[in-house]
Amino acid sequence: MEKGQIKLYYHKTYGGAEYLCSECISGTNEGSLNSKYIVRIDGDIKKDTELFIKEDAEKPDYKKAYECLMECWDSFDDTQKAILDKELKECGLY
């Protein structure tokens, strides 16, 4: 890749929103919404495309959030657990 170029990784949310992200989820080619550069590409790409640039690209404290979730894990039903499980994987927690 040439200087000034950024590789982008595709990510689609459960709701159908589509993004190109400057970082991928660890160990995959799936785009991470924790990237510094995120381009939303769903809808009419000629008029709806948006570029998000995070000024502070530091990652949130997922470890603390994970610990909090584990403390109340048994209170979630199976559907909620499945959704949370997938989201935790996307964050790279496991």
Protein backbone atom coordinates (compact mmCIF):
# COMPACT_ATOMS: atom_id res chain seq x y z
CA MET A 1 0.00 0.00 0.00
CA GLU A 2 1.33 3.42 -0.91
CA LYS A 3 1.94 6.20 1.61
CA GLY A 4 -1.29 8.05 2.32
CA GLN A 5 -3.52 5.09 1.46
CA ILE A 6 -5.69 3.33 4.04
CA LYS A 7 -6.97 -0.21 3.67
CA LEU A 8 -10.70 -0.36 4.43
CA TYR A 9 -12.62 -3.29 5.88
CA TYR A 10 -16.34 -3.96 5.32
CA HIS A 11 -18.79 -4.17 8.23
CA LYS A 12 -22.57 -4.65 8.19
CA THR A 13 -24.62 -4.20 11.36
CA TYR A 14 -27.59 -6.33 12.37
CA GLY A 15 -29.82 -3.42 11.39
CA GLY A 16 -28.39 -3.43 7.85
CA ALA A 17 -26.16 -0.33 8.01
CA GLU A 18 -23.00 -0.82 5.96
CA TYR A 19 -19.60 0.66 6.69
CA LEU A 20 -16.01 0.70 5.50
CA CYS A 21 -13.62 0.91 8.45
CA SER A 22 -9.91 1.67 8.73
CA GLU A 23 -9.36 -1.12 11.28
CA CYS A 24 -10.51 -4.72 11.41
CA ILE A 25 -11.63 -6.92 14.27
CA SER A 26 -8.58 -8.79 15.52
CA GLY A 27 -7.98 -12.02 13.60
CA THR A 28 -10.58 -11.24 10.90
CA ASN A 29 -11.17 -9.12 7.81
CA GLU A 30 -14.38 -7.72 9.36
CA GLY A 31 -14.40 -3.93 9.79
CA SER A 32 -14.41 -2.57 13.34
CA LEU A 33 -16.58 0.38 14.33
CA ASN A 34 -13.79 1.31 16.75
CA SER A 35 -11.74 2.59 13.79
CA LYS A 36 -10.40 6.10 13.42
CA TYR A 37 -11.94 6.38 9.91
CA ILE A 38 -15.43 5.04 9.17
CA VAL A 39 -17.37 5.52 5.94
CA ARG A 40 -21.10 4.77 5.98
CA ILE A 41 -21.99 3.40 2.54
CA ASP A 42 -25.58 2.15 2.74
CA GLY A 43 -28.52 3.95 1.18
CA ASP A 44 -27.99 6.04 -1.94
CA ILE A 45 -24.20 6.11 -2.15
CA LYS A 46 -24.28 9.25 -4.30
CA LYS A 47 -25.99 11.35 -1.61
CA ASP A 48 -26.08 9.43 1.69
CA THR A 49 -22.42 8.48 2.15
CA GLU A 50 -20.84 9.85 5.34
CA LEU A 51 -17.23 9.91 6.58
CA PHE A 52 -16.61 9.83 10.32
CA ILE A 53 -13.18 10.68 11.70
CA LYS A 54 -12.63 10.04 15.39
CA GLU A 55 -10.35 12.67 16.83
CA ASP A 56 -9.57 10.45 19.80
CA ALA A 57 -9.16 6.98 18.35
CA GLU A 58 -8.40 5.35 21.69
CA LYS A 59 -10.48 2.26 22.23
CA PRO A 60 -13.07 2.27 25.00
CA ASP A 61 -12.45 0.27 28.17
CA TYR A 62 -14.06 -2.92 26.91
CA LYS A 63 -12.50 -4.97 29.67
CA LYS A 64 -14.45 -3.05 32.30
CA ALA A 65 -17.66 -3.29 30.27
CA TYR A 66 -17.08 -7.03 29.83
CA GLU A 67 -16.61 -7.50 33.58
CA CYS A 68 -19.86 -5.65 34.26
CA LEU A 69 -21.73 -7.79 31.74
CA MET A 70 -20.37 -11.00 33.24
CA GLU A 71 -21.62 -9.95 36.69
CA CYS A 72 -25.22 -9.86 35.44
CA TRP A 73 -24.97 -12.42 32.57
CA ASP A 74 -27.51 -14.82 34.14
CA SER A 75 -30.19 -12.10 34.12
CA PHE A 76 -30.24 -12.03 30.28
CA ASP A 77 -32.44 -14.35 28.22
CA ASP A 78 -30.96 -16.54 25.47
CA THR A 79 -31.74 -14.04 22.68
CA GLN A 80 -30.06 -11.21 24.57
CA LYS A 81 -27.06 -13.42 25.34
CA ALA A 82 -26.66 -14.31 21.66
CA ILE A 83 -26.72 -10.64 20.64
CA LEU A 84 -24.28 -9.65 23.38
CA ASP A 85 -22.03 -12.59 22.53
CA LYS A 86 -21.73 -11.46 18.92
CA GLU A 87 -21.13 -7.83 19.92
CA LEU A 88 -18.42 -8.89 22.39
CA LYS A 89 -16.69 -10.85 19.64
CA GLU A 90 -16.84 -7.79 17.35
CA CYS A 91 -15.14 -5.76 20.08
CA GLY A 92 -12.36 -8.35 20.17
CA LEU A 93 -13.03 -9.42 23.75
CA TYR A 94 -13.00 -13.11 22.81
